[in-house]
Full PDB file with SEQRES, HELIX, SHEET, SSBOND, CRYST1, ORIGX, SCALE, CONECT and MASTER records, all heavy atoms in Angstrom:
SEQRES   1 A   41  ASN VAL ASP ASP SER ILE ASP ILE VAL ASP LEU TYR PHE          
SEQRES   2 A   41  ASP VAL ILE SER LYS GLY VAL VAL GLU ASP GLY GLU VAL          
SEQRES   3 A   41  LYS ILE MET ASN PHE GLY THR PHE ILE LYS LYS GLY LYS          
SEQRES   4 A   41  ALA SER                                                      
HELIX    1 AA1 VAL A    2  ASP A   23  1                                  22    
SHEET    1 AA1 2 GLU A  25  ILE A  28  0                                        
SHEET    2 AA1 2 GLY A  32  ILE A  35 -1                                        
CRYST1    1.000    1.000    1.000  90.00  90.00  90.00 P 1           1          
ORIGX1      1.000000  0.000000  0.000000        0.00000                         
ORIGX2      0.000000  1.000000  0.000000        0.00000                         
ORIGX3      0.000000  0.000000  1.000000        0.00000                         
SCALE1      1.000000  0.000000  0.000000        0.00000                         
SCALE2      0.000000  1.000000  0.000000        0.00000                         
SCALE3      0.000000  0.000000  1.000000        0.00000                         
ATOM      1  N   ASN A   1      -4.351  22.194   2.681  1.00  0.00           N  
ATOM      2  CA  ASN A   1      -3.485  22.474   3.817  1.00  0.00           C  
ATOM      3  C   ASN A   1      -2.711  21.204   4.191  1.00  0.00           C  
ATOM      4  O   ASN A   1      -3.060  20.103   3.764  1.00  0.00           O  
ATOM      5  CB  ASN A   1      -4.279  23.055   5.001  1.00  0.00           C  
ATOM      6  CG  ASN A   1      -5.260  22.082   5.603  1.00  0.00           C  
ATOM      7  OD1 ASN A   1      -4.991  20.885   5.692  1.00  0.00           O  
ATOM      8  ND2 ASN A   1      -6.403  22.587   6.023  1.00  0.00           N  
ATOM      9  N   VAL A   2      -1.670  21.362   4.961  1.00  0.00           N  
ATOM     10  CA  VAL A   2      -0.766  20.252   5.273  1.00  0.00           C  
ATOM     11  C   VAL A   2      -1.477  19.154   6.056  1.00  0.00           C  
ATOM     12  O   VAL A   2      -1.233  17.963   5.820  1.00  0.00           O  
ATOM     13  CB  VAL A   2       0.478  20.759   6.048  1.00  0.00           C  
ATOM     14  CG1 VAL A   2       1.381  19.615   6.449  1.00  0.00           C  
ATOM     15  CG2 VAL A   2       1.261  21.757   5.200  1.00  0.00           C  
ATOM     16  N   ASP A   3      -2.371  19.512   6.964  1.00  0.00           N  
ATOM     17  CA  ASP A   3      -3.084  18.497   7.752  1.00  0.00           C  
ATOM     18  C   ASP A   3      -3.921  17.582   6.861  1.00  0.00           C  
ATOM     19  O   ASP A   3      -3.935  16.361   7.045  1.00  0.00           O  
ATOM     20  CB  ASP A   3      -3.974  19.153   8.813  1.00  0.00           C  
ATOM     21  CG  ASP A   3      -3.164  19.813   9.922  1.00  0.00           C  
ATOM     22  OD1 ASP A   3      -2.014  19.376  10.147  1.00  0.00           O  
ATOM     23  OD2 ASP A   3      -3.677  20.758  10.544  1.00  0.00           O  
ATOM     24  N   ASP A   4      -4.613  18.164   5.885  1.00  0.00           N  
ATOM     25  CA  ASP A   4      -5.395  17.349   4.957  1.00  0.00           C  
ATOM     26  C   ASP A   4      -4.478  16.476   4.096  1.00  0.00           C  
ATOM     27  O   ASP A   4      -4.799  15.328   3.797  1.00  0.00           O  
ATOM     28  CB  ASP A   4      -6.268  18.228   4.059  1.00  0.00           C  
ATOM     29  CG  ASP A   4      -7.409  18.877   4.821  1.00  0.00           C  
ATOM     30  OD1 ASP A   4      -7.750  18.385   5.919  1.00  0.00           O  
ATOM     31  OD2 ASP A   4      -7.961  19.887   4.318  1.00  0.00           O  
ATOM     32  N   SER A   5      -3.347  17.033   3.702  1.00  0.00           N  
ATOM     33  CA  SER A   5      -2.386  16.271   2.899  1.00  0.00           C  
ATOM     34  C   SER A   5      -1.824  15.089   3.679  1.00  0.00           C  
ATOM     35  O   SER A   5      -1.636  13.999   3.137  1.00  0.00           O  
ATOM     36  CB  SER A   5      -1.243  17.166   2.433  1.00  0.00           C  
ATOM     37  OG  SER A   5      -1.714  18.186   1.598  1.00  0.00           O  
ATOM     38  N   ILE A   6      -1.559  15.285   4.956  1.00  0.00           N  
ATOM     39  CA  ILE A   6      -1.067  14.190   5.811  1.00  0.00           C  
ATOM     40  C   ILE A   6      -2.113  13.084   5.877  1.00  0.00           C  
ATOM     41  O   ILE A   6      -1.788  11.897   5.775  1.00  0.00           O  
ATOM     42  CB  ILE A   6      -0.701  14.712   7.219  1.00  0.00           C  
ATOM     43  CG1 ILE A   6       0.551  15.587   7.153  1.00  0.00           C  
ATOM     44  CG2 ILE A   6      -0.494  13.556   8.201  1.00  0.00           C  
ATOM     45  CD1 ILE A   6       0.864  16.339   8.424  1.00  0.00           C  
ATOM     46  N   ASP A   7      -3.388  13.468   6.037  1.00  0.00           N  
ATOM     47  CA  ASP A   7      -4.468  12.471   6.070  1.00  0.00           C  
ATOM     48  C   ASP A   7      -4.527  11.688   4.760  1.00  0.00           C  
ATOM     49  O   ASP A   7      -4.706  10.463   4.769  1.00  0.00           O  
ATOM     50  CB  ASP A   7      -5.813  13.140   6.338  1.00  0.00           C  
ATOM     51  CG  ASP A   7      -5.930  13.702   7.750  1.00  0.00           C  
ATOM     52  OD1 ASP A   7      -5.142  13.264   8.627  1.00  0.00           O  
ATOM     53  OD2 ASP A   7      -6.791  14.570   7.966  1.00  0.00           O  
ATOM     54  N   ILE A   8      -4.377  12.369   3.641  1.00  0.00           N  
ATOM     55  CA  ILE A   8      -4.412  11.702   2.335  1.00  0.00           C  
ATOM     56  C   ILE A   8      -3.256  10.725   2.195  1.00  0.00           C  
ATOM     57  O   ILE A   8      -3.437   9.579   1.754  1.00  0.00           O  
ATOM     58  CB  ILE A   8      -4.402  12.747   1.202  1.00  0.00           C  
ATOM     59  CG1 ILE A   8      -5.731  13.494   1.176  1.00  0.00           C  
ATOM     60  CG2 ILE A   8      -4.112  12.090  -0.145  1.00  0.00           C  
ATOM     61  CD1 ILE A   8      -5.737  14.708   0.283  1.00  0.00           C  
ATOM     62  N   VAL A   9      -2.068  11.146   2.575  1.00  0.00           N  
ATOM     63  CA  VAL A   9      -0.886  10.273   2.477  1.00  0.00           C  
ATOM     64  C   VAL A   9      -1.051   9.064   3.394  1.00  0.00           C  
ATOM     65  O   VAL A   9      -0.752   7.926   2.995  1.00  0.00           O  
ATOM     66  CB  VAL A   9       0.402  11.062   2.798  1.00  0.00           C  
ATOM     67  CG1 VAL A   9       1.603  10.137   2.917  1.00  0.00           C  
ATOM     68  CG2 VAL A   9       0.651  12.122   1.734  1.00  0.00           C  
ATOM     69  N   ASP A  10      -1.543   9.274   4.604  1.00  0.00           N  
ATOM     70  CA  ASP A  10      -1.770   8.157   5.526  1.00  0.00           C  
ATOM     71  C   ASP A  10      -2.785   7.171   4.954  1.00  0.00           C  
ATOM     72  O   ASP A  10      -2.589   5.951   5.027  1.00  0.00           O  
ATOM     73  CB  ASP A  10      -2.247   8.660   6.897  1.00  0.00           C  
ATOM     74  CG  ASP A  10      -1.117   9.243   7.728  1.00  0.00           C  
ATOM     75  OD1 ASP A  10       0.056   8.902   7.459  1.00  0.00           O  
ATOM     76  OD2 ASP A  10      -1.412  10.035   8.644  1.00  0.00           O  
ATOM     77  N   LEU A  11      -3.870   7.675   4.395  1.00  0.00           N  
ATOM     78  CA  LEU A  11      -4.876   6.805   3.786  1.00  0.00           C  
ATOM     79  C   LEU A  11      -4.299   6.022   2.613  1.00  0.00           C  
ATOM     80  O   LEU A  11      -4.588   4.834   2.436  1.00  0.00           O  
ATOM     81  CB  LEU A  11      -6.085   7.615   3.314  1.00  0.00           C  
ATOM     82  CG  LEU A  11      -7.003   8.114   4.414  1.00  0.00           C  
ATOM     83  CD1 LEU A  11      -8.015   9.105   3.836  1.00  0.00           C  
ATOM     84  CD2 LEU A  11      -7.716   6.958   5.073  1.00  0.00           C  
ATOM     85  N   TYR A  12      -3.489   6.665   1.813  1.00  0.00           N  
ATOM     86  CA  TYR A  12      -2.853   6.020   0.663  1.00  0.00           C  
ATOM     87  C   TYR A  12      -2.016   4.821   1.116  1.00  0.00           C  
ATOM     88  O   TYR A  12      -2.143   3.719   0.588  1.00  0.00           O  
ATOM     89  CB  TYR A  12      -1.992   7.055  -0.070  1.00  0.00           C  
ATOM     90  CG  TYR A  12      -1.303   6.544  -1.298  1.00  0.00           C  
ATOM     91  CD1 TYR A  12      -1.989   6.381  -2.484  1.00  0.00           C  
ATOM     92  CD2 TYR A  12       0.056   6.239  -1.278  1.00  0.00           C  
ATOM     93  CE1 TYR A  12      -1.360   5.928  -3.626  1.00  0.00           C  
ATOM     94  CE2 TYR A  12       0.699   5.788  -2.406  1.00  0.00           C  
ATOM     95  CZ  TYR A  12      -0.007   5.635  -3.575  1.00  0.00           C  
ATOM     96  OH  TYR A  12       0.625   5.177  -4.694  1.00  0.00           O  
ATOM     97  N   PHE A  13      -1.172   5.040   2.132  1.00  0.00           N  
ATOM     98  CA  PHE A  13      -0.333   3.948   2.627  1.00  0.00           C  
ATOM     99  C   PHE A  13      -1.151   2.877   3.336  1.00  0.00           C  
ATOM    100  O   PHE A  13      -0.808   1.690   3.274  1.00  0.00           O  
ATOM    101  CB  PHE A  13       0.784   4.479   3.534  1.00  0.00           C  
ATOM    102  CG  PHE A  13       1.878   5.171   2.774  1.00  0.00           C  
ATOM    103  CD1 PHE A  13       2.158   6.508   3.006  1.00  0.00           C  
ATOM    104  CD2 PHE A  13       2.622   4.494   1.821  1.00  0.00           C  
ATOM    105  CE1 PHE A  13       3.168   7.147   2.297  1.00  0.00           C  
ATOM    106  CE2 PHE A  13       3.635   5.126   1.108  1.00  0.00           C  
ATOM    107  CZ  PHE A  13       3.908   6.459   1.348  1.00  0.00           C  
ATOM    108  N   ASP A  14      -2.234   3.264   3.996  1.00  0.00           N  
ATOM    109  CA  ASP A  14      -3.112   2.278   4.635  1.00  0.00           C  
ATOM    110  C   ASP A  14      -3.761   1.363   3.598  1.00  0.00           C  
ATOM    111  O   ASP A  14      -3.851   0.153   3.798  1.00  0.00           O  
ATOM    112  CB  ASP A  14      -4.203   2.967   5.462  1.00  0.00           C  
ATOM    113  CG  ASP A  14      -3.684   3.567   6.761  1.00  0.00           C  
ATOM    114  OD1 ASP A  14      -2.562   3.208   7.172  1.00  0.00           O  
ATOM    115  OD2 ASP A  14      -4.407   4.395   7.346  1.00  0.00           O  
ATOM    116  N   VAL A  15      -4.214   1.953   2.496  1.00  0.00           N  
ATOM    117  CA  VAL A  15      -4.838   1.157   1.432  1.00  0.00           C  
ATOM    118  C   VAL A  15      -3.830   0.168   0.862  1.00  0.00           C  
ATOM    119  O   VAL A  15      -4.147  -1.007   0.655  1.00  0.00           O  
ATOM    120  CB  VAL A  15      -5.410   2.077   0.323  1.00  0.00           C  
ATOM    121  CG1 VAL A  15      -5.773   1.282  -0.918  1.00  0.00           C  
ATOM    122  CG2 VAL A  15      -6.616   2.835   0.845  1.00  0.00           C  
ATOM    123  N   ILE A  16      -2.614   0.622   0.614  1.00  0.00           N  
ATOM    124  CA  ILE A  16      -1.583  -0.277   0.086  1.00  0.00           C  
ATOM    125  C   ILE A  16      -1.281  -1.384   1.093  1.00  0.00           C  
ATOM    126  O   ILE A  16      -1.226  -2.564   0.736  1.00  0.00           O  
ATOM    127  CB  ILE A  16      -0.303   0.503  -0.271  1.00  0.00           C  
ATOM    128  CG1 ILE A  16      -0.566   1.417  -1.472  1.00  0.00           C  
ATOM    129  CG2 ILE A  16       0.847  -0.450  -0.579  1.00  0.00           C  
ATOM    130  CD1 ILE A  16       0.566   2.361  -1.787  1.00  0.00           C  
ATOM    131  N   SER A  17      -1.095  -1.028   2.353  1.00  0.00           N  
ATOM    132  CA  SER A  17      -0.774  -2.021   3.384  1.00  0.00           C  
ATOM    133  C   SER A  17      -1.870  -3.069   3.535  1.00  0.00           C  
ATOM    134  O   SER A  17      -1.589  -4.270   3.568  1.00  0.00           O  
ATOM    135  CB  SER A  17      -0.556  -1.330   4.737  1.00  0.00           C  
ATOM    136  OG  SER A  17       0.523  -0.442   4.666  1.00  0.00           O  
ATOM    137  N   LYS A  18      -3.115  -2.620   3.628  1.00  0.00           N  
ATOM    138  CA  LYS A  18      -4.234  -3.559   3.775  1.00  0.00           C  
ATOM    139  C   LYS A  18      -4.373  -4.444   2.543  1.00  0.00           C  
ATOM    140  O   LYS A  18      -4.654  -5.637   2.645  1.00  0.00           O  
ATOM    141  CB  LYS A  18      -5.538  -2.809   4.033  1.00  0.00           C  
ATOM    142  CG  LYS A  18      -5.610  -2.216   5.421  1.00  0.00           C  
ATOM    143  CD  LYS A  18      -6.881  -1.412   5.619  1.00  0.00           C  
ATOM    144  CE  LYS A  18      -6.869  -0.710   6.969  1.00  0.00           C  
ATOM    145  NZ  LYS A  18      -8.009   0.170   7.139  1.00  0.00           N  
ATOM    146  N   GLY A  19      -4.176  -3.878   1.368  1.00  0.00           N  
ATOM    147  CA  GLY A  19      -4.264  -4.657   0.142  1.00  0.00           C  
ATOM    148  C   GLY A  19      -3.208  -5.746   0.068  1.00  0.00           C  
ATOM    149  O   GLY A  19      -3.488  -6.876  -0.332  1.00  0.00           O  
ATOM    150  N   VAL A  20      -1.994  -5.418   0.474  1.00  0.00           N  
ATOM    151  CA  VAL A  20      -0.916  -6.418   0.457  1.00  0.00           C  
ATOM    152  C   VAL A  20      -1.201  -7.521   1.468  1.00  0.00           C  
ATOM    153  O   VAL A  20      -1.038  -8.701   1.178  1.00  0.00           O  
ATOM    154  CB  VAL A  20       0.455  -5.759   0.721  1.00  0.00           C  
ATOM    155  CG1 VAL A  20       1.533  -6.802   0.968  1.00  0.00           C  
ATOM    156  CG2 VAL A  20       0.852  -4.862  -0.439  1.00  0.00           C  
ATOM    157  N   VAL A  21      -1.665  -7.143   2.651  1.00  0.00           N  
ATOM    158  CA  VAL A  21      -1.954  -8.139   3.686  1.00  0.00           C  
ATOM    159  C   VAL A  21      -3.113  -9.041   3.261  1.00  0.00           C  
ATOM    160  O   VAL A  21      -3.032 -10.263   3.377  1.00  0.00           O  
ATOM    161  CB  VAL A  21      -2.277  -7.451   5.037  1.00  0.00           C  
ATOM    162  CG1 VAL A  21      -2.836  -8.437   6.034  1.00  0.00           C  
ATOM    163  CG2 VAL A  21      -1.025  -6.797   5.602  1.00  0.00           C  
ATOM    164  N   GLU A  22      -4.188  -8.450   2.741  1.00  0.00           N  
ATOM    165  CA  GLU A  22      -5.387  -9.230   2.406  1.00  0.00           C  
ATOM    166  C   GLU A  22      -5.276  -9.979   1.077  1.00  0.00           C  
ATOM    167  O   GLU A  22      -5.676 -11.131   0.973  1.00  0.00           O  
ATOM    168  CB  GLU A  22      -6.605  -8.302   2.371  1.00  0.00           C  
ATOM    169  CG  GLU A  22      -6.972  -7.757   3.740  1.00  0.00           C  
ATOM    170  CD  GLU A  22      -8.050  -6.695   3.685  1.00  0.00           C  
ATOM    171  OE1 GLU A  22      -8.590  -6.442   2.594  1.00  0.00           O  
ATOM    172  OE2 GLU A  22      -8.345  -6.110   4.737  1.00  0.00           O  
ATOM    173  N   ASP A  23      -4.728  -9.325   0.057  1.00  0.00           N  
ATOM    174  CA  ASP A  23      -4.719  -9.912  -1.284  1.00  0.00           C  
ATOM    175  C   ASP A  23      -3.345 -10.424  -1.719  1.00  0.00           C  
ATOM    176  O   ASP A  23      -3.242 -11.130  -2.718  1.00  0.00           O  
ATOM    177  CB  ASP A  23      -5.214  -8.895  -2.318  1.00  0.00           C  
ATOM    178  CG  ASP A  23      -6.617  -8.404  -2.014  1.00  0.00           C  
ATOM    179  OD1 ASP A  23      -7.401  -9.186  -1.454  1.00  0.00           O  
ATOM    180  OD2 ASP A  23      -6.918  -7.237  -2.319  1.00  0.00           O  
ATOM    181  N   GLY A  24      -2.304 -10.018  -1.021  1.00  0.00           N  
ATOM    182  CA  GLY A  24      -0.963 -10.466  -1.368  1.00  0.00           C  
ATOM    183  C   GLY A  24      -0.308  -9.643  -2.461  1.00  0.00           C  
ATOM    184  O   GLY A  24       0.874  -9.800  -2.732  1.00  0.00           O  
ATOM    185  N   GLU A  25      -1.061  -8.726  -3.076  1.00  0.00           N  
ATOM    186  CA  GLU A  25      -0.492  -7.937  -4.165  1.00  0.00           C  
ATOM    187  C   GLU A  25      -1.334  -6.688  -4.393  1.00  0.00           C  
ATOM    188  O   GLU A  25      -2.554  -6.744  -4.339  1.00  0.00           O  
ATOM    189  CB  GLU A  25      -0.456  -8.779  -5.439  1.00  0.00           C  
ATOM    190  CG  GLU A  25       0.110  -8.083  -6.647  1.00  0.00           C  
ATOM    191  CD  GLU A  25       0.207  -9.005  -7.846  1.00  0.00           C  
ATOM    192  OE1 GLU A  25       0.984  -9.962  -7.789  1.00  0.00           O  
ATOM    193  OE2 GLU A  25      -0.520  -8.739  -8.822  1.00  0.00           O  
ATOM    194  N   VAL A  26      -0.675  -5.571  -4.635  1.00  0.00           N  
ATOM    195  CA  VAL A  26      -1.353  -4.324  -4.988  1.00  0.00           C  
ATOM    196  C   VAL A  26      -0.640  -3.747  -6.203  1.00  0.00           C  
ATOM    197  O   VAL A  26       0.563  -3.505  -6.164  1.00  0.00           O  
ATOM    198  CB  VAL A  26      -1.316  -3.304  -3.826  1.00  0.00           C  
ATOM    199  CG1 VAL A  26      -1.874  -1.964  -4.263  1.00  0.00           C  
ATOM    200  CG2 VAL A  26      -2.065  -3.821  -2.628  1.00  0.00           C  
ATOM    201  N   LYS A  27      -1.401  -3.555  -7.291  1.00  0.00           N  
ATOM    202  CA  LYS A  27      -0.855  -2.964  -8.509  1.00  0.00           C  
ATOM    203  C   LYS A  27      -1.356  -1.534  -8.632  1.00  0.00           C  
ATOM    204  O   LYS A  27      -2.554  -1.285  -8.525  1.00  0.00           O  
ATOM    205  CB  LYS A  27      -1.301  -3.741  -9.748  1.00  0.00           C  
ATOM    206  CG  LYS A  27      -0.639  -5.065  -9.904  1.00  0.00           C  
ATOM    207  CD  LYS A  27      -1.048  -5.703 -11.221  1.00  0.00           C  
ATOM    208  CE  LYS A  27      -0.389  -7.058 -11.346  1.00  0.00           C  
ATOM    209  NZ  LYS A  27      -0.688  -7.696 -12.626  1.00  0.00           N  
ATOM    210  N   ILE A  28      -0.444  -0.621  -8.858  1.00  0.00           N  
ATOM    211  CA  ILE A  28      -0.795   0.773  -9.105  1.00  0.00           C  
ATOM    212  C   ILE A  28      -0.334   1.077 -10.526  1.00  0.00           C  
ATOM    213  O   ILE A  28       0.870   1.054 -10.812  1.00  0.00           O  
ATOM    214  CB  ILE A  28      -0.124   1.711  -8.083  1.00  0.00           C  
ATOM    215  CG1 ILE A  28      -0.549   1.317  -6.663  1.00  0.00           C  
ATOM    216  CG2 ILE A  28      -0.483   3.161  -8.390  1.00  0.00           C  
ATOM    217  CD1 ILE A  28       0.178   2.039  -5.576  1.00  0.00           C  
ATOM    218  N   MET A  29      -1.286   1.323 -11.391  1.00  0.00           N  
ATOM    219  CA  MET A  29      -0.985   1.533 -12.807  1.00  0.00           C  
ATOM    220  C   MET A  29       0.033   2.658 -12.983  1.00  0.00           C  
ATOM    221  O   MET A  29      -0.043   3.692 -12.322  1.00  0.00           O  
ATOM    222  CB  MET A  29      -2.265   1.853 -13.581  1.00  0.00           C  
ATOM    223  CG  MET A  29      -3.301   0.743 -13.547  1.00  0.00           C  
ATOM    224  SD  MET A  29      -2.702  -0.825 -14.177  1.00  0.00           S  
ATOM    225  CE  MET A  29      -2.633  -0.461 -15.906  1.00  0.00           C  
ATOM    226  N   ASN A  30       0.972   2.423 -13.876  1.00  0.00           N  
ATOM    227  CA  ASN A  30       2.033   3.384 -14.217  1.00  0.00           C  
ATOM    228  C   ASN A  30       2.930   3.738 -13.032  1.00  0.00           C  
ATOM    229  O   ASN A  30       3.631   4.743 -13.063  1.00  0.00           O  
ATOM    230  CB  ASN A  30       1.464   4.659 -14.831  1.00  0.00           C  
ATOM    231  CG  ASN A  30       0.743   4.390 -16.123  1.00  0.00           C  
ATOM    232  OD1 ASN A  30       1.161   3.540 -16.906  1.00  0.00           O  
ATOM    233  ND2 ASN A  30      -0.342   5.082 -16.350  1.00  0.00           N  
ATOM    234  N   PHE A  31       2.900   2.937 -11.973  1.00  0.00           N  
ATOM    235  CA  PHE A  31       3.790   3.156 -10.832  1.00  0.00           C  
ATOM    236  C   PHE A  31       4.536   1.883 -10.491  1.00  0.00           C  
ATOM    237  O   PHE A  31       5.750   1.838 -10.534  1.00  0.00           O  
ATOM    238  CB  PHE A  31       3.011   3.675  -9.621  1.00  0.00           C  
ATOM    239  CG  PHE A  31       3.905   3.982  -8.453  1.00  0.00           C  
ATOM    240  CD1 PHE A  31       4.764   5.064  -8.489  1.00  0.00           C  
ATOM    241  CD2 PHE A  31       3.881   3.189  -7.317  1.00  0.00           C  
ATOM    242  CE1 PHE A  31       5.600   5.339  -7.419  1.00  0.00           C  
ATOM    243  CE2 PHE A  31       4.697   3.464  -6.248  1.00  0.00           C  
ATOM    244  CZ  PHE A  31       5.562   4.543  -6.290  1.00  0.00           C  
ATOM    245  N   GLY A  32       3.806   0.824 -10.121  1.00  0.00           N  
ATOM    246  CA  GLY A  32       4.460  -0.429  -9.786  1.00  0.00           C  
ATOM    247  C   GLY A  32       3.558  -1.366  -9.014  1.00  0.00           C  
ATOM    248  O   GLY A  32       2.369  -1.100  -8.832  1.00  0.00           O  
ATOM    249  N   THR A  33       4.138  -2.466  -8.557  1.00  0.00           N  
ATOM    250  CA  THR A  33       3.397  -3.504  -7.856  1.00  0.00           C  
ATOM    251  C   THR A  33       4.072  -3.815  -6.528  1.00  0.00           C  
ATOM    252  O   THR A  33       5.286  -4.010  -6.467  1.00  0.00           O  
ATOM    253  CB  THR A  33       3.342  -4.789  -8.711  1.00  0.00           C  
ATOM    254  OG1 THR A  33       2.809  -4.463  -9.991  1.00  0.00           O  
ATOM    255  CG2 THR A  33       2.482  -5.846  -8.055  1.00  0.00           C  
ATOM    256  N   PHE A  34       3.273  -3.863  -5.470  1.00  0.00           N  
ATOM    257  CA  PHE A  34       3.726  -4.298  -4.152  1.00  0.00           C  
ATOM    258  C   PHE A  34       3.288  -5.746  -3.985  1.00  0.00           C  
ATOM    259  O   PHE A  34       2.110  -6.052  -4.151  1.00  0.00           O  
ATOM    260  CB  PHE A  34       3.107  -3.442  -3.040  1.00  0.00           C  
ATOM    261  CG  PHE A  34       3.525  -2.002  -3.093  1.00  0.00           C  
ATOM    262  CD1 PHE A  34       2.816  -1.075  -3.846  1.00  0.00           C  
ATOM    263  CD2 PHE A  34       4.635  -1.574  -2.389  1.00  0.00           C  
ATOM    264  CE1 PHE A  34       3.194   0.254  -3.897  1.00  0.00           C  
ATOM    265  CE2 PHE A  34       5.027  -0.241  -2.427  1.00  0.00           C  
ATOM    266  CZ  PHE A  34       4.305   0.670  -3.188  1.00  0.00           C  
ATOM    267  N   ILE A  35       4.220  -6.644  -3.653  1.00  0.00           N  
ATOM    268  CA  ILE A  35       3.927  -8.068  -3.565  1.00  0.00           C  
ATOM    269  C   ILE A  35       4.381  -8.607  -2.205  1.00  0.00           C  
ATOM    270  O   ILE A  35       5.510  -8.351  -1.779  1.00  0.00           O  
ATOM    271  CB  ILE A  35       4.659  -8.849  -4.675  1.00  0.00           C  
ATOM    272  CG1 ILE A  35       4.272  -8.307  -6.044  1.00  0.00           C  
ATOM    273  CG2 ILE A  35       4.375 -10.339  -4.583  1.00  0.00           C  
ATOM    274  CD1 ILE A  35       5.158  -8.787  -7.163  1.00  0.00           C  
ATOM    275  N   LYS A  36       3.480  -9.356  -1.542  1.00  0.00           N  
ATOM    276  CA  LYS A  36       3.841 -10.022  -0.287  1.00  0.00           C  
ATOM    277  C   LYS A  36       4.537 -11.334  -0.627  1.00  0.00           C  
ATOM    278  O   LYS A  36       4.050 -12.109  -1.444  1.00  0.00           O  
ATOM    279  CB  LYS A  36       2.600 -10.290   0.560  1.00  0.00           C  
ATOM    280  CG  LYS A  36       2.915 -10.992   1.881  1.00  0.00           C  
ATOM    281  CD  LYS A  36       1.711 -11.072   2.784  1.00  0.00           C  
ATOM    282  CE  LYS A  36       0.712 -12.063   2.301  1.00  0.00           C  
ATOM    283  NZ  LYS A  36      -0.366 -12.331   3.262  1.00  0.00           N  
ATOM    284  N   LYS A  37       5.686 -11.559  -0.019  1.00  0.00           N  
ATOM    285  CA  LYS A  37       6.432 -12.786  -0.270  1.00  0.00           C  
ATOM    286  C   LYS A  37       6.825 -13.393   1.065  1.00  0.00           C  
ATOM    287  O   LYS A  37       7.329 -12.701   1.949  1.00  0.00           O  
ATOM    288  CB  LYS A  37       7.678 -12.495  -1.096  1.00  0.00           C  
ATOM    289  CG  LYS A  37       8.472 -13.731  -1.416  1.00  0.00           C  
ATOM    290  CD  LYS A  37       9.670 -13.423  -2.263  1.00  0.00           C  
ATOM    291  CE  LYS A  37      10.398 -14.722  -2.530  1.00  0.00           C  
ATOM    292  NZ  LYS A  37      11.669 -14.494  -3.218  1.00  0.00           N  
ATOM    293  N   GLY A  38       6.579 -14.688   1.196  1.00  0.00           N  
ATOM    294  CA  GLY A  38       6.957 -15.394   2.409  1.00  0.00           C  
ATOM    295  C   GLY A  38       8.394 -15.887   2.320  1.00  0.00           C  
ATOM    296  O   GLY A  38       8.855 -16.297   1.264  1.00  0.00           O  
ATOM    297  N   LYS A  39       9.091 -15.796   3.429  1.00  0.00           N  
ATOM    298  CA  LYS A  39      10.453 -16.327   3.506  1.00  0.00           C  
ATOM    299  C   LYS A  39      10.453 -17.454   4.516  1.00  0.00           C  
ATOM    300  O   LYS A  39       9.941 -17.306   5.624  1.00  0.00           O  
ATOM    301  CB  LYS A  39      11.440 -15.240   3.932  1.00  0.00           C  
ATOM    302  CG  LYS A  39      11.664 -14.187   2.874  1.00  0.00           C  
ATOM    303  CD  LYS A  39      12.846 -13.343   3.239  1.00  0.00           C  
ATOM    304  CE  LYS A  39      13.207 -12.445   2.071  1.00  0.00           C  
ATOM    305  NZ  LYS A  39      14.483 -11.791   2.289  1.00  0.00           N  
ATOM    306  N   ALA A  40      11.023 -18.576   4.142  1.00  0.00           N  
ATOM    307  CA  ALA A  40      11.067 -19.745   5.016  1.00  0.00           C  
ATOM    308  C   ALA A  40      12.087 -19.530   6.127  1.00  0.00           C  
ATOM    309  O   ALA A  40      13.000 -18.706   6.012  1.00  0.00           O  
ATOM    310  CB  ALA A  40      11.432 -20.984   4.200  1.00  0.00           C  
ATOM    311  N   SER A  41      11.932 -20.288   7.205  1.00  0.00           N  
ATOM    312  CA  SER A  41      12.927 -20.213   8.264  1.00  0.00           C  
ATOM    313  C   SER A  41      14.227 -20.824   7.744  1.00  0.00           C  
ATOM    314  O   SER A  41      14.226 -21.660   6.847  1.00  0.00           O  
ATOM    315  CB  SER A  41      12.444 -20.937   9.515  1.00  0.00           C  
ATOM    316  OG  SER A  41      12.252 -22.301   9.240  1.00  0.00           O  
TER     317      SER A  41                                                      
MASTER        0    0    0    1    2    0    0    6  316    1    0    4          
END                                                                             
């Protein structure tokens, strides 16, 4: 059902967000890599 699907999508994005914040990089095989990059002032 849609409510369960919303929970799954939210969890998916939470895992990616926490991984980027904590580890600086999240790799998802056959999809891509999210990388945290600092920008100087």
